[in-house]
Amino acid sequence: MKREEGEEEDFVCGTFTWRIDNFSMLHNEMHYSDVFVICGYKWQILIYPKGDNVVDYLSLYLEVADASTLTFGWTRYAKFSLTVVNQLDSKKSITMGIYLYLVACHLLKRLVK
């Protein structure tokens, strides 16, 4: 997906669903999803169920899964959304749209409750 200055592309290359059973039982350590491929790139989701340097917030990150293998100066513009689904009360589900310019490193966005 290439983006020219001032131009937005509005299409979906793919989706990924990560179901986490017994989420409320997870401790504060980080948890990684399986690696998935969308638009030809490897991605991974990282969560801290009890927050990353904050208390009582879910910290949720999207990472380039193979960042250490990318060449210096590698960049990518990404437009994506992350949704946290509350299975008990769908009105409490959260979706956030995010736009990022990625530069061969971890990226991401923190969702708060």
C-alpha atoms as a PDB file:
ATOM      1  CA  MET A   1       0.000   0.000   0.000  1.00  0.00           C
ATOM      2  CA  LYS A   2       1.656   3.197  -1.168  1.00  0.00           C
ATOM      3  CA  ARG A   3       0.412   6.602  -0.133  1.00  0.00           C
ATOM      4  CA  GLU A   4       1.217   9.825  -1.938  1.00  0.00           C
ATOM      5  CA  GLU A   5       1.377  13.113  -0.022  1.00  0.00           C
ATOM      6  CA  GLY A   6      -2.149  14.179   0.947  1.00  0.00           C
ATOM      7  CA  GLU A   7      -3.748  11.039  -0.484  1.00  0.00           C
ATOM      8  CA  GLU A   8      -5.666   8.514   1.568  1.00  0.00           C
ATOM      9  CA  GLU A   9      -6.472   5.003   0.483  1.00  0.00           C
ATOM     10  CA  ASP A  10      -9.571   3.524   2.034  1.00  0.00           C
ATOM     11  CA  PHE A  11      -9.487  -0.241   1.585  1.00  0.00           C
ATOM     12  CA  VAL A  12      -9.144  -3.356   3.665  1.00  0.00           C
ATOM     13  CA  CYS A  13      -6.282  -5.701   2.926  1.00  0.00           C
ATOM     14  CA  GLY A  14      -7.331  -8.184   5.569  1.00  0.00           C
ATOM     15  CA  THR A  15      -8.433  -8.741   9.109  1.00  0.00           C
ATOM     16  CA  PHE A  16      -7.131 -10.657  12.099  1.00  0.00           C
ATOM     17  CA  THR A  17      -9.064 -11.835  15.146  1.00  0.00           C
ATOM     18  CA  TRP A  18      -7.306 -12.774  18.367  1.00  0.00           C
ATOM     19  CA  ARG A  19      -9.640 -14.442  20.818  1.00  0.00           C
ATOM     20  CA  ILE A  20      -8.331 -14.431  24.381  1.00  0.00           C
ATOM     21  CA  ASP A  21     -10.087 -16.885  26.646  1.00  0.00           C
ATOM     22  CA  ASN A  22     -10.325 -16.087  30.360  1.00  0.00           C
ATOM     23  CA  PHE A  23      -9.007 -12.570  29.807  1.00  0.00           C
ATOM     24  CA  SER A  24      -9.873 -11.475  33.351  1.00  0.00           C
ATOM     25  CA  MET A  25      -7.584 -14.191  34.697  1.00  0.00           C
ATOM     26  CA  LEU A  26      -4.473 -12.891  32.877  1.00  0.00           C
ATOM     27  CA  HIS A  27      -1.700 -11.343  34.948  1.00  0.00           C
ATOM     28  CA  ASN A  28       0.130  -8.142  34.113  1.00  0.00           C
ATOM     29  CA  GLU A  29       2.836  -9.717  31.987  1.00  0.00           C
ATOM     30  CA  MET A  30       2.795  -9.036  28.271  1.00  0.00           C
ATOM     31  CA  HIS A  31       1.033 -11.422  25.920  1.00  0.00           C
ATOM     32  CA  TYR A  32       1.664 -11.743  22.173  1.00  0.00           C
ATOM     33  CA  SER A  33      -0.744 -12.879  19.483  1.00  0.00           C
ATOM     34  CA  ASP A  34       0.380 -15.258  16.796  1.00  0.00           C
ATOM     35  CA  VAL A  35       2.105 -13.578  13.862  1.00  0.00           C
ATOM     36  CA  PHE A  36      -0.323 -12.764  11.049  1.00  0.00           C
ATOM     37  CA  VAL A  37       0.124 -11.383   7.536  1.00  0.00           C
ATOM     38  CA  ILE A  38      -1.926  -8.515   6.149  1.00  0.00           C
ATOM     39  CA  CYS A  39      -1.067  -6.673   2.928  1.00  0.00           C
ATOM     40  CA  GLY A  40       2.044  -8.834   2.623  1.00  0.00           C
ATOM     41  CA  TYR A  41       3.537  -7.696   5.944  1.00  0.00           C
ATOM     42  CA  LYS A  42       3.961  -9.644   9.176  1.00  0.00           C
ATOM     43  CA  TRP A  43       2.252  -8.152  12.212  1.00  0.00           C
ATOM     44  CA  GLN A  44       1.731  -9.101  15.834  1.00  0.00           C
ATOM     45  CA  ILE A  45      -0.438  -7.732  18.632  1.00  0.00           C
ATOM     46  CA  LEU A  46       0.981  -7.217  22.120  1.00  0.00           C
ATOM     47  CA  ILE A  47      -1.178  -6.615  25.186  1.00  0.00           C
ATOM     48  CA  TYR A  48      -0.602  -5.785  28.817  1.00  0.00           C
ATOM     49  CA  PRO A  49      -3.927  -6.763  30.441  1.00  0.00           C
ATOM     50  CA  LYS A  50      -3.405  -4.533  33.489  1.00  0.00           C
ATOM     51  CA  GLY A  51      -1.572  -1.719  31.693  1.00  0.00           C
ATOM     52  CA  ASP A  52       1.936  -0.812  30.560  1.00  0.00           C
ATOM     53  CA  ASN A  53       3.235   1.840  32.959  1.00  0.00           C
ATOM     54  CA  VAL A  54      -0.362   2.729  33.873  1.00  0.00           C
ATOM     55  CA  VAL A  55      -2.708   1.038  36.298  1.00  0.00           C
ATOM     56  CA  ASP A  56      -6.060  -0.555  35.445  1.00  0.00           C
ATOM     57  CA  TYR A  57      -5.913   0.163  31.724  1.00  0.00           C
ATOM     58  CA  LEU A  58      -5.526  -2.258  28.871  1.00  0.00           C
ATOM     59  CA  SER A  59      -2.414  -1.440  26.850  1.00  0.00           C
ATOM     60  CA  LEU A  60      -2.706  -2.734  23.311  1.00  0.00           C
ATOM     61  CA  TYR A  61      -0.004  -2.482  20.636  1.00  0.00           C
ATOM     62  CA  LEU A  62       0.382  -3.443  17.002  1.00  0.00           C
ATOM     63  CA  GLU A  63       3.941  -4.417  16.103  1.00  0.00           C
ATOM     64  CA  VAL A  64       5.818  -5.185  12.935  1.00  0.00           C
ATOM     65  CA  ALA A  65       6.582  -8.833  13.685  1.00  0.00           C
ATOM     66  CA  ASP A  66       9.885  -9.009  11.821  1.00  0.00           C
ATOM     67  CA  ALA A  67      11.204  -5.504  12.594  1.00  0.00           C
ATOM     68  CA  SER A  68      14.697  -6.769  13.426  1.00  0.00           C
ATOM     69  CA  THR A  69      15.076  -8.141   9.881  1.00  0.00           C
ATOM     70  CA  LEU A  70      14.027  -4.961   8.081  1.00  0.00           C
ATOM     71  CA  THR A  71      16.568  -2.752   6.353  1.00  0.00           C
ATOM     72  CA  PHE A  72      17.575   0.570   7.877  1.00  0.00           C
ATOM     73  CA  GLY A  73      15.104   3.272   6.913  1.00  0.00           C
ATOM     74  CA  TRP A  74      12.275   0.856   6.080  1.00  0.00           C
ATOM     75  CA  THR A  75       8.993   2.731   6.315  1.00  0.00           C
ATOM     76  CA  ARG A  76       5.312   2.001   5.891  1.00  0.00           C
ATOM     77  CA  TYR A  77       2.149   4.030   6.280  1.00  0.00           C
ATOM     78  CA  ALA A  78      -0.589   2.038   7.989  1.00  0.00           C
ATOM     79  CA  LYS A  79      -4.243   2.812   8.518  1.00  0.00           C
ATOM     80  CA  PHE A  80      -5.923   0.311  10.804  1.00  0.00           C
ATOM     81  CA  SER A  81      -8.386  -0.111  13.595  1.00  0.00           C
ATOM     82  CA  LEU A  82      -8.280  -2.189  16.726  1.00  0.00           C
ATOM     83  CA  THR A  83     -11.424  -3.416  18.434  1.00  0.00           C
ATOM     84  CA  VAL A  84     -11.751  -4.779  21.946  1.00  0.00           C
ATOM     85  CA  VAL A  85     -14.989  -6.756  22.171  1.00  0.00           C
ATOM     86  CA  ASN A  86     -16.779  -7.049  25.490  1.00  0.00           C
ATOM     87  CA  GLN A  87     -18.545 -10.401  25.166  1.00  0.00           C
ATOM     88  CA  LEU A  88     -20.804  -9.706  28.137  1.00  0.00           C
ATOM     89  CA  ASP A  89     -21.986  -6.263  27.030  1.00  0.00           C
ATOM     90  CA  SER A  90     -21.380  -5.295  23.392  1.00  0.00           C
ATOM     91  CA  LYS A  91     -22.153  -1.630  24.239  1.00  0.00           C
ATOM     92  CA  LYS A  92     -18.863  -1.585  26.138  1.00  0.00           C
ATOM     93  CA  SER A  93     -16.839  -2.721  23.108  1.00  0.00           C
ATOM     94  CA  ILE A  94     -14.276  -0.185  21.845  1.00  0.00           C
ATOM     95  CA  THR A  95     -12.953   0.464  18.328  1.00  0.00           C
ATOM     96  CA  MET A  96     -10.209   2.949  17.592  1.00  0.00           C
ATOM     97  CA  GLY A  97      -9.011   3.938  14.136  1.00  0.00           C
ATOM     98  CA  ILE A  98      -5.327   4.657  13.896  1.00  0.00           C
ATOM     99  CA  TYR A  99      -2.995   6.146  11.294  1.00  0.00           C
ATOM    100  CA  LEU A 100       0.717   5.506  11.642  1.00  0.00           C
ATOM    101  CA  TYR A 101       3.881   6.122   9.718  1.00  0.00           C
ATOM    102  CA  LEU A 102       6.084   3.154  10.600  1.00  0.00           C
ATOM    103  CA  VAL A 103       9.851   3.278  10.666  1.00  0.00           C
ATOM    104  CA  ALA A 104      11.477  -0.150  11.195  1.00  0.00           C
ATOM    105  CA  CYS A 105      10.611  -0.322  14.875  1.00  0.00           C
ATOM    106  CA  HIS A 106       7.770  -1.196  17.218  1.00  0.00           C
ATOM    107  CA  LEU A 107       4.699   0.876  16.750  1.00  0.00           C
ATOM    108  CA  LEU A 108       1.651   1.425  18.368  1.00  0.00           C
ATOM    109  CA  LYS A 109      -1.288   2.771  20.048  1.00  0.00           C
ATOM    110  CA  ARG A 110      -2.557   2.501  23.571  1.00  0.00           C
ATOM    111  CA  LEU A 111      -6.259   1.957  24.120  1.00  0.00           C
ATOM    112  CA  VAL A 112      -7.641   3.090  27.433  1.00  0.00           C
ATOM    113  CA  LYS A 113     -10.924   2.262  29.045  1.00  0.00           C
END
